Amino acid sequence: MARIQAGDALARFRVLDLSRVRAGPTCVRMLADFGADVIRIEPPPGIDANDNMFVDSRCSGDFQNLNRNKRSLTLNLKQPQGLAVFMRLVRDADVVIENWRPDVKQRLGVDYESLRRVNPRIVLASISGYGQDGPYAARPGFDQVIQGMGGLMSVTGHAGQGPLRAGIAVADSSTGLYAALGIMAALLEREHSGEGQWVHTSLLHSQIAMMDFQAARYLNEGVVPVQNGNDHPTASPMGLFRAQDGDLNIGVAGEGNWLRFCKVLGRPDWLTDPRFLTERDRIAHRADLKEAIETVLATGPLEQWAQQLNDAGVPAGPVYTMDQMFADPQVQHMKATALATTSTGKTCTYITQPVSLSRTPASIQAAAPDCGEHTDEVLREAGYTDLQIAELHAAAVV
């Protein structure tokens, strides 16, 4: 088959993907969906005992979503012939992405200085748990461990019930997105300088960045944030409230929203209640306010209140389960999913890119590849003859 081109925006770039698990593949997926020619380089079966970490099956929804729009080449980088093949690919590549522990690339000979000697325009993106140097650099980094060390678990959950992990891989996924942004910046800069550079980010730093206003409150006001359950720490009423038939998220921040909120609920008296006069007052008397609000909401169904509040300009919405979320008419209107068929004939459903470009949009053109599915094809593109390819197979290099 010809190279996979899911879009035009990044079609001029070739990416060599050495990454595994989630953070790296999340980064590469974004590049692939916008049209980059991505070659996923995997060790031949049996070389790396951790190669299938968190992978039930290559046909599982998670693996498919992370690795669609990519080609697969098997290559044993621990063999000199394998390293030679890789460097031959580097000559014509734009980006290399890896998420090993920092010392692995030096041991294999694929560190930035080695790559730039072959191709000065190459951009190397390195993703690690704790950074490329420092006292924790050699530590393995897993999402939940980083959620804990990065502060997220300390503010997640209900007060007094202990730390709680987020239900998704926040550190992994955000690091992948930050890495993709760094790659884009390096490629844009290369158009001016003609030179590549080393881009690196870590799960820990990304998680700290994701702490955003909570971290900024501590750094500038000295406030150590705590668990607030479903209540927003700096606004009230903003949280989860029980209606007649379910839970409703309501966001009332600012006096204008508070005025509209009281009007919708038919409680203008709250505007003069000394407990609720200001945002600070409403935070101080959050429990009283919640009880009063839920007394009113109990008189009507959730959908009715959500509609009335949104019509008045007050943000509100239900708490969906996954099936309810994908059935929502707005989600369907946004085309948040797309279909593709694997090499086994299985049709998989994929989550589309949430970023829309008016002229050069992303798309999903191909399912995730079988291990080594495009090995011979990629080697031929690199100039290897059929005889040379057969010799590489025979030597277990590919």
Protein backbone atom coordinates (compact mmCIF):
# COMPACT_ATOMS: atom_id res chain seq x y z
CA MET A 1 0.00 0.00 0.00
CA ALA A 2 1.04 3.62 -0.41
CA ARG A 3 1.78 5.78 2.62
CA ILE A 4 -1.21 6.68 4.77
CA GLN A 5 -2.21 10.31 4.43
CA ALA A 6 -5.01 11.28 6.78
CA GLY A 7 -4.80 15.00 6.01
CA ASP A 8 -2.82 17.67 4.19
CA ALA A 9 -1.67 19.91 7.05
CA LEU A 10 1.40 17.80 7.96
CA ALA A 11 1.70 15.73 4.81
CA ARG A 12 5.26 16.93 4.08
CA PHE A 13 6.63 15.45 7.32
CA ARG A 14 7.85 11.95 8.10
CA VAL A 15 7.82 10.75 11.71
CA LEU A 16 9.68 7.76 13.14
CA ASP A 17 7.75 6.58 16.18
CA LEU A 18 9.70 4.63 18.79
CA SER A 19 7.20 5.30 21.57
CA ARG A 20 5.00 2.92 23.55
CA VAL A 21 2.16 2.82 26.11
CA ARG A 22 0.19 6.15 26.03
CA ALA A 23 1.99 9.48 26.24
CA GLY A 24 4.15 8.94 23.14
CA PRO A 25 1.42 7.34 21.00
CA THR A 26 -0.97 10.16 21.97
CA CYS A 27 1.55 12.68 20.64
CA VAL A 28 2.17 10.73 17.44
CA ARG A 29 -1.54 10.14 16.83
CA MET A 30 -2.10 13.87 16.53
CA LEU A 31 0.63 14.18 13.91
CA ALA A 32 -0.66 11.13 12.02
CA ASP A 33 -4.26 12.34 11.98
CA PHE A 34 -3.18 15.60 10.37
CA GLY A 35 -1.34 13.76 7.61
CA ALA A 36 2.24 13.10 8.72
CA ASP A 37 3.76 9.89 7.34
CA VAL A 38 4.21 7.97 10.59
CA ILE A 39 6.30 4.82 10.78
CA ARG A 40 5.81 2.99 14.06
CA ILE A 41 9.07 1.15 14.75
CA GLU A 42 8.61 -1.91 16.93
CA PRO A 43 11.01 -4.64 18.07
CA PRO A 44 10.45 -8.01 16.43
CA PRO A 45 8.32 -10.30 18.64
CA GLY A 46 10.24 -11.70 21.61
CA ILE A 47 12.87 -8.95 21.81
CA ASP A 48 11.25 -6.72 24.46
CA ALA A 49 9.34 -8.36 27.33
CA ASN A 50 7.48 -5.07 27.99
CA ASP A 51 6.56 -4.37 24.39
CA ASN A 52 2.88 -5.19 24.89
CA MET A 53 2.47 -3.37 28.20
CA PHE A 54 -1.22 -2.50 28.73
CA VAL A 55 -2.04 -4.05 25.32
CA ASP A 56 -4.74 -6.72 25.52
CA SER A 57 -4.84 -7.09 21.78
CA ARG A 58 -3.86 -4.99 18.79
CA CYS A 59 -7.55 -5.07 17.91
CA SER A 60 -8.58 -3.61 21.28
CA GLY A 61 -10.26 -0.23 21.14
CA ASP A 62 -7.51 1.45 23.15
CA PHE A 63 -4.64 0.21 20.97
CA GLN A 64 -6.56 1.03 17.81
CA ASN A 65 -7.36 4.57 18.94
CA LEU A 66 -3.75 5.26 19.90
CA ASN A 67 -2.15 3.84 16.77
CA ARG A 68 -4.48 4.47 13.83
CA ASN A 69 -3.08 6.13 10.69
CA LYS A 70 0.39 4.65 11.27
CA ARG A 71 2.52 2.12 9.42
CA SER A 72 4.50 -0.53 11.31
CA LEU A 73 8.11 -1.58 10.78
CA THR A 74 9.79 -4.19 12.98
CA LEU A 75 13.41 -3.42 13.75
CA ASN A 76 15.89 -4.70 16.33
CA LEU A 77 17.85 -1.62 17.34
CA LYS A 78 20.11 -3.70 19.60
CA GLN A 79 21.77 -5.20 16.52
CA PRO A 80 24.27 -3.08 14.54
CA GLN A 81 22.40 -3.85 11.32
CA GLY A 82 19.18 -2.68 12.91
CA LEU A 83 20.75 0.59 14.03
CA ALA A 84 22.13 1.06 10.51
CA VAL A 85 18.65 0.63 9.04
CA PHE A 86 17.25 3.13 11.53
CA MET A 87 19.89 5.73 10.72
CA ARG A 88 19.17 5.27 7.03
CA LEU A 89 15.54 6.13 7.77
CA VAL A 90 16.62 9.11 9.87
CA ARG A 91 18.31 10.66 6.83
CA ASP A 92 14.93 11.38 5.24
CA ALA A 93 12.85 11.84 8.40
CA ASP A 94 11.74 15.03 10.11
CA VAL A 95 10.87 13.81 13.60
CA VAL A 96 11.87 10.95 15.90
CA ILE A 97 9.76 10.35 19.01
CA GLU A 98 10.75 8.14 21.96
CA ASN A 99 9.63 7.66 25.55
CA TRP A 100 12.32 5.42 27.02
CA ARG A 101 14.14 6.13 30.24
CA PRO A 102 16.69 8.87 29.48
CA ASP A 103 19.77 6.64 29.33
CA VAL A 104 18.34 4.13 26.85
CA LYS A 105 18.81 6.28 23.76
CA GLN A 106 22.49 6.80 24.59
CA ARG A 107 22.99 3.05 25.00
CA LEU A 108 21.30 2.36 21.69
CA GLY A 109 23.09 5.20 19.92
CA VAL A 110 19.96 7.11 18.94
CA ASP A 111 20.46 10.17 21.16
CA TYR A 112 20.08 13.64 19.68
CA GLU A 113 23.76 14.21 18.91
CA SER A 114 23.94 10.88 17.08
CA LEU A 115 20.80 11.67 15.08
CA ARG A 116 21.83 15.19 14.12
CA ARG A 117 25.14 13.94 12.73
CA VAL A 118 23.07 11.95 10.23
CA ASN A 119 20.42 14.63 9.68
CA PRO A 120 20.95 18.14 11.12
CA ARG A 121 17.28 18.95 10.43
CA ILE A 122 15.95 16.16 12.62
CA VAL A 123 13.69 16.97 15.59
CA LEU A 124 14.02 14.46 18.43
CA ALA A 125 11.11 14.44 20.88
CA SER A 126 11.81 12.66 24.16
CA ILE A 127 9.09 11.91 26.70
CA SER A 128 10.06 10.71 30.17
CA GLY A 129 8.54 10.29 33.60
CA TYR A 130 10.65 12.85 35.45
CA GLY A 131 12.83 14.66 32.92
CA GLN A 132 16.09 13.95 31.14
CA ASP A 133 18.28 14.72 34.16
CA GLY A 134 18.02 15.34 37.88
CA PRO A 135 17.70 13.05 40.91
CA TYR A 136 14.65 11.15 39.59
CA ALA A 137 15.63 10.94 35.92
CA ALA A 138 16.24 7.18 35.98
CA ARG A 139 12.90 6.38 37.63
CA PRO A 140 10.14 4.72 35.60
CA GLY A 141 7.12 6.99 35.29
CA PHE A 142 3.54 5.70 35.35
CA ASP A 143 0.48 7.90 35.14
CA GLN A 144 -0.99 7.12 38.57
CA VAL A 145 2.35 7.61 40.33
CA ILE A 146 2.71 10.97 38.60
CA GLN A 147 -0.87 11.98 39.44
CA GLY A 148 0.13 11.52 43.06
CA MET A 149 3.48 13.32 42.89
CA GLY A 150 2.11 16.07 40.64
CA GLY A 151 -0.56 17.08 43.15
CA LEU A 152 -3.66 15.90 41.29
CA MET A 153 -4.67 13.15 43.70
CA SER A 154 -4.45 15.54 46.65
CA VAL A 155 -7.25 17.71 45.25
CA THR A 156 -9.38 14.94 43.72
CA GLY A 157 -12.17 13.31 45.70
CA HIS A 158 -14.25 14.23 48.71
CA ALA A 159 -12.76 15.81 51.84
CA GLY A 160 -11.63 13.30 54.43
CA GLN A 161 -11.85 10.28 52.11
CA GLY A 162 -8.20 10.18 51.08
CA PRO A 163 -6.42 10.82 47.78
CA LEU A 164 -8.16 9.73 44.60
CA ARG A 165 -6.81 9.17 41.10
CA ALA A 166 -8.60 10.71 38.15
CA GLY A 167 -10.53 8.23 36.04
CA ILE A 168 -8.37 8.87 32.97
CA ALA A 169 -4.63 9.04 32.34
CA VAL A 170 -4.32 12.80 32.80
CA ALA A 171 -0.52 12.86 33.06
CA ASP A 172 0.04 10.58 30.06
CA SER A 173 -2.44 12.26 27.75
CA SER A 174 -1.47 15.83 28.61
CA THR A 175 2.22 15.01 28.17
CA GLY A 176 1.50 13.65 24.71
CA LEU A 177 -0.29 16.85 23.76
CA TYR A 178 2.47 19.06 25.18
CA ALA A 179 5.03 17.02 23.24
CA ALA A 180 3.06 17.46 20.01
CA LEU A 181 2.97 21.21 20.61
CA GLY A 182 6.73 21.24 21.19
CA ILE A 183 7.32 19.31 17.96
CA MET A 184 5.17 21.77 16.02
CA ALA A 185 7.11 24.70 17.47
CA ALA A 186 10.44 23.06 16.57
CA LEU A 187 9.30 22.37 13.01
CA LEU A 188 8.11 25.95 12.60
CA GLU A 189 11.41 27.27 13.94
CA ARG A 190 13.30 24.95 11.57
CA GLU A 191 11.74 26.76 8.62
CA HIS A 192 13.70 29.82 9.74
CA SER A 193 16.97 28.28 10.99
CA GLY A 194 17.19 25.14 8.86
CA GLU A 195 18.14 23.14 11.96
CA GLY A 196 16.31 20.64 14.09
CA GLN A 197 16.48 20.49 17.87
CA TRP A 198 15.81 18.29 20.87
CA VAL A 199 12.33 18.63 22.34
CA HIS A 200 11.72 16.96 25.68
CA THR A 201 8.95 16.93 28.24
CA SER A 202 8.00 14.78 31.20
CA LEU A 203 4.89 13.40 32.84
CA LEU A 204 5.75 15.17 36.10
CA HIS A 205 6.21 18.63 34.58
CA SER A 206 3.11 18.20 32.43
CA GLN A 207 1.02 17.18 35.43
CA ILE A 208 2.27 20.20 37.35
CA ALA A 209 1.29 22.42 34.42
CA MET A 210 -2.14 20.79 34.37
CA MET A 211 -2.61 21.79 38.01
CA ASP A 212 -2.96 25.28 36.58
CA PHE A 213 -5.00 27.57 38.87
CA GLN A 214 -4.60 25.28 41.86
CA ALA A 215 -0.80 25.48 41.59
CA ALA A 216 -0.94 29.22 40.91
CA ARG A 217 -3.03 29.79 44.04
CA TYR A 218 -0.38 28.11 46.13
CA LEU A 219 2.57 29.86 44.47
CA ASN A 220 1.08 33.32 44.73
CA GLU A 221 -1.38 33.27 47.62
CA GLY A 222 0.11 30.46 49.69
CA VAL A 223 -3.12 28.42 49.57
CA VAL A 224 -2.52 24.68 49.74
CA PRO A 225 -5.57 23.34 47.87
CA VAL A 226 -7.54 20.47 49.35
CA GLN A 227 -10.23 18.07 48.20
CA ASN A 228 -13.55 19.77 47.52
CA GLY A 229 -15.45 16.89 45.96
CA ASN A 230 -17.68 18.29 43.23
CA ASP A 231 -17.55 21.86 44.52
CA HIS A 232 -15.36 24.42 42.81
CA PRO A 233 -12.82 25.76 45.31
CA THR A 234 -13.14 29.43 44.37
CA ALA A 235 -16.73 29.82 43.13
CA SER A 236 -20.19 29.10 44.54
CA PRO A 237 -22.65 27.80 43.59
CA MET A 238 -20.55 25.75 41.19
CA GLY A 239 -20.81 22.01 41.53
CA LEU A 240 -23.18 19.06 41.44
CA PHE A 241 -26.76 19.43 42.63
CA ARG A 242 -29.55 16.90 42.93
CA ALA A 243 -32.67 17.52 40.85
CA GLN A 244 -35.89 15.52 40.86
CA ASP A 245 -34.52 12.70 38.70
CA GLY A 246 -30.74 13.04 38.65
CA ASP A 247 -27.62 15.09 39.23
CA LEU A 248 -27.07 18.43 37.53
CA ASN A 249 -23.78 20.27 37.14
CA ILE A 250 -24.27 24.00 37.54
CA GLY A 251 -21.66 26.71 37.08
CA VAL A 252 -22.53 30.07 38.61
CA ALA A 253 -19.46 32.30 38.65
CA GLY A 254 -19.77 36.08 38.80
CA GLU A 255 -22.57 38.34 39.93
CA GLY A 256 -24.28 38.43 36.54
CA ASN A 257 -24.67 34.66 36.51
CA TRP A 258 -25.82 34.69 40.13
CA LEU A 259 -28.55 37.19 39.28
CA ARG A 260 -29.77 35.09 36.33
CA PHE A 261 -29.57 31.90 38.38
CA CYS A 262 -31.76 33.29 41.16
CA LYS A 263 -34.30 34.48 38.58
CA VAL A 264 -34.55 31.03 36.92
CA LEU A 265 -35.03 29.32 40.27
CA GLY A 266 -37.61 31.90 41.34
CA ARG A 267 -35.65 32.97 44.41
CA PRO A 268 -34.96 36.73 44.16
CA ASP A 269 -34.76 36.77 47.97
CA TRP A 270 -31.36 35.08 47.75
CA LEU A 271 -29.99 38.29 46.23
CA THR A 272 -30.50 40.08 49.56
CA ASP A 273 -29.82 37.18 51.90
CA PRO A 274 -26.73 38.20 53.92
CA ARG A 275 -25.34 34.66 53.63
CA PHE A 276 -25.25 34.90 49.83
CA LEU A 277 -24.53 38.57 49.07
CA THR A 278 -21.04 38.06 47.58
CA GLU A 279 -19.05 35.20 46.11
CA ARG A 280 -17.05 35.06 49.31
CA ASP A 281 -20.26 34.83 51.33
CA ARG A 282 -21.62 32.07 49.12
CA ILE A 283 -18.41 30.07 49.54
CA ALA A 284 -18.53 30.54 53.33
CA HIS A 285 -22.14 29.31 53.42
CA ARG A 286 -21.83 26.74 50.66
CA ALA A 287 -23.68 24.01 52.58
CA ASP A 288 -26.69 26.26 53.31
CA LEU A 289 -26.81 27.37 49.69
CA LYS A 290 -26.59 23.82 48.36
CA GLU A 291 -29.47 22.71 50.56
CA ALA A 292 -31.60 25.65 49.42
CA ILE A 293 -30.84 25.05 45.75
CA GLU A 294 -31.61 21.34 45.92
CA THR A 295 -34.93 22.07 47.61
CA VAL A 296 -35.95 24.07 44.54
CA LEU A 297 -34.44 21.64 42.00
CA ALA A 298 -36.38 18.76 43.59
CA THR A 299 -39.58 20.27 42.20
CA GLY A 300 -38.67 19.57 38.57
CA PRO A 301 -36.80 17.19 36.28
CA LEU A 302 -33.14 17.62 35.47
CA GLU A 303 -33.67 18.21 31.75
CA GLN A 304 -36.10 21.05 32.42
CA TRP A 305 -33.71 22.83 34.75
CA ALA A 306 -30.76 22.35 32.40
CA GLN A 307 -32.73 23.87 29.53
CA GLN A 308 -33.99 26.83 31.54
CA LEU A 309 -30.57 27.61 33.00
CA ASN A 310 -28.78 27.39 29.66
CA ASP A 311 -31.47 29.51 28.00
CA ALA A 312 -30.73 32.15 30.65
CA GLY A 313 -26.99 31.93 30.00
CA VAL A 314 -26.14 29.93 33.13
CA PRO A 315 -23.93 26.89 32.33
CA ALA A 316 -25.59 23.62 33.35
CA GLY A 317 -25.62 20.02 32.20
CA PRO A 318 -26.26 16.42 33.19
CA VAL A 319 -23.68 13.85 34.30
CA TYR A 320 -23.53 11.29 31.52
CA THR A 321 -22.40 7.70 31.52
CA MET A 322 -20.26 6.83 28.49
CA ASP A 323 -23.19 5.49 26.46
CA GLN A 324 -25.30 8.55 27.23
CA MET A 325 -22.46 10.85 26.26
CA PHE A 326 -22.02 9.33 22.81
CA ALA A 327 -25.81 9.36 22.29
CA ASP A 328 -26.04 13.11 22.94
CA PRO A 329 -27.19 15.02 19.82
CA GLN A 330 -24.42 17.63 20.11
CA VAL A 331 -21.74 14.94 20.37
CA GLN A 332 -23.16 13.24 17.30
CA HIS A 333 -23.36 16.56 15.47
CA MET A 334 -19.65 17.18 16.15
CA LYS A 335 -18.81 13.79 14.58
CA ALA A 336 -16.76 12.79 17.60
CA THR A 337 -16.36 9.25 16.26
CA ALA A 338 -15.33 7.63 12.99
CA LEU A 339 -15.02 4.08 11.65
CA ALA A 340 -12.17 2.11 10.12
CA THR A 341 -11.58 -1.57 9.40
CA THR A 342 -8.61 -3.55 10.67
CA SER A 343 -6.63 -6.06 8.60
CA THR A 344 -8.67 -8.82 10.26
CA GLY A 345 -11.89 -7.31 8.92
CA LYS A 346 -13.06 -5.96 12.28
CA THR A 347 -14.71 -2.54 12.16
CA CYS A 348 -13.51 -0.31 15.01
CA THR A 349 -14.88 2.99 16.21
CA TYR A 350 -12.36 5.76 16.83
CA ILE A 351 -12.41 9.07 18.69
CA THR A 352 -11.77 11.87 16.22
CA GLN A 353 -9.42 14.79 16.73
CA PRO A 354 -11.09 17.57 18.74
CA VAL A 355 -9.25 20.25 16.73
CA SER A 356 -10.93 21.26 13.47
CA LEU A 357 -9.11 22.98 10.60
CA SER A 358 -11.32 24.56 7.94
CA ARG A 359 -9.12 23.70 4.91
CA THR A 360 -6.85 20.85 6.01
CA PRO A 361 -8.75 18.80 8.60
CA ALA A 362 -7.55 15.66 10.29
CA SER A 363 -9.15 12.34 9.42
CA ILE A 364 -8.95 8.63 10.20
CA GLN A 365 -7.91 6.73 7.09
CA ALA A 366 -6.49 3.48 8.45
CA ALA A 367 -6.77 1.21 11.46
CA ALA A 368 -3.76 0.50 13.65
CA PRO A 369 -1.32 -1.77 11.80
CA ASP A 370 -0.35 -5.34 12.52
CA CYS A 371 3.13 -5.68 14.01
CA GLY A 372 5.56 -5.25 11.13
CA GLU A 373 2.79 -5.01 8.55
CA HIS A 374 4.69 -2.45 6.45
CA THR A 375 8.26 -3.58 7.08
CA ASP A 376 9.13 -4.56 3.51
CA GLU A 377 7.30 -1.57 2.07
CA VAL A 378 9.20 0.94 4.24
CA LEU A 379 12.55 -0.74 3.55
CA ARG A 380 11.96 -0.59 -0.21
CA GLU A 381 11.18 3.12 0.12
CA ALA A 382 14.52 3.51 1.90
CA GLY A 383 16.31 1.92 -1.07
CA TYR A 384 16.77 -1.67 0.11
CA THR A 385 16.54 -4.38 -2.53
CA ASP A 386 14.40 -7.48 -2.12
CA LEU A 387 17.56 -9.55 -1.55
CA GLN A 388 18.76 -7.17 1.19
CA ILE A 389 15.34 -7.25 2.81
CA ALA A 390 15.35 -11.04 2.80
CA GLU A 391 18.78 -11.01 4.45
CA LEU A 392 17.54 -8.66 7.18
CA HIS A 393 14.63 -11.02 7.85
CA ALA A 394 16.94 -14.01 7.95
CA ALA A 395 19.20 -12.27 10.48
CA ALA A 396 16.18 -11.37 12.68
CA VAL A 397 17.00 -7.69 12.28
CA VAL A 398 13.40 -7.04 11.12
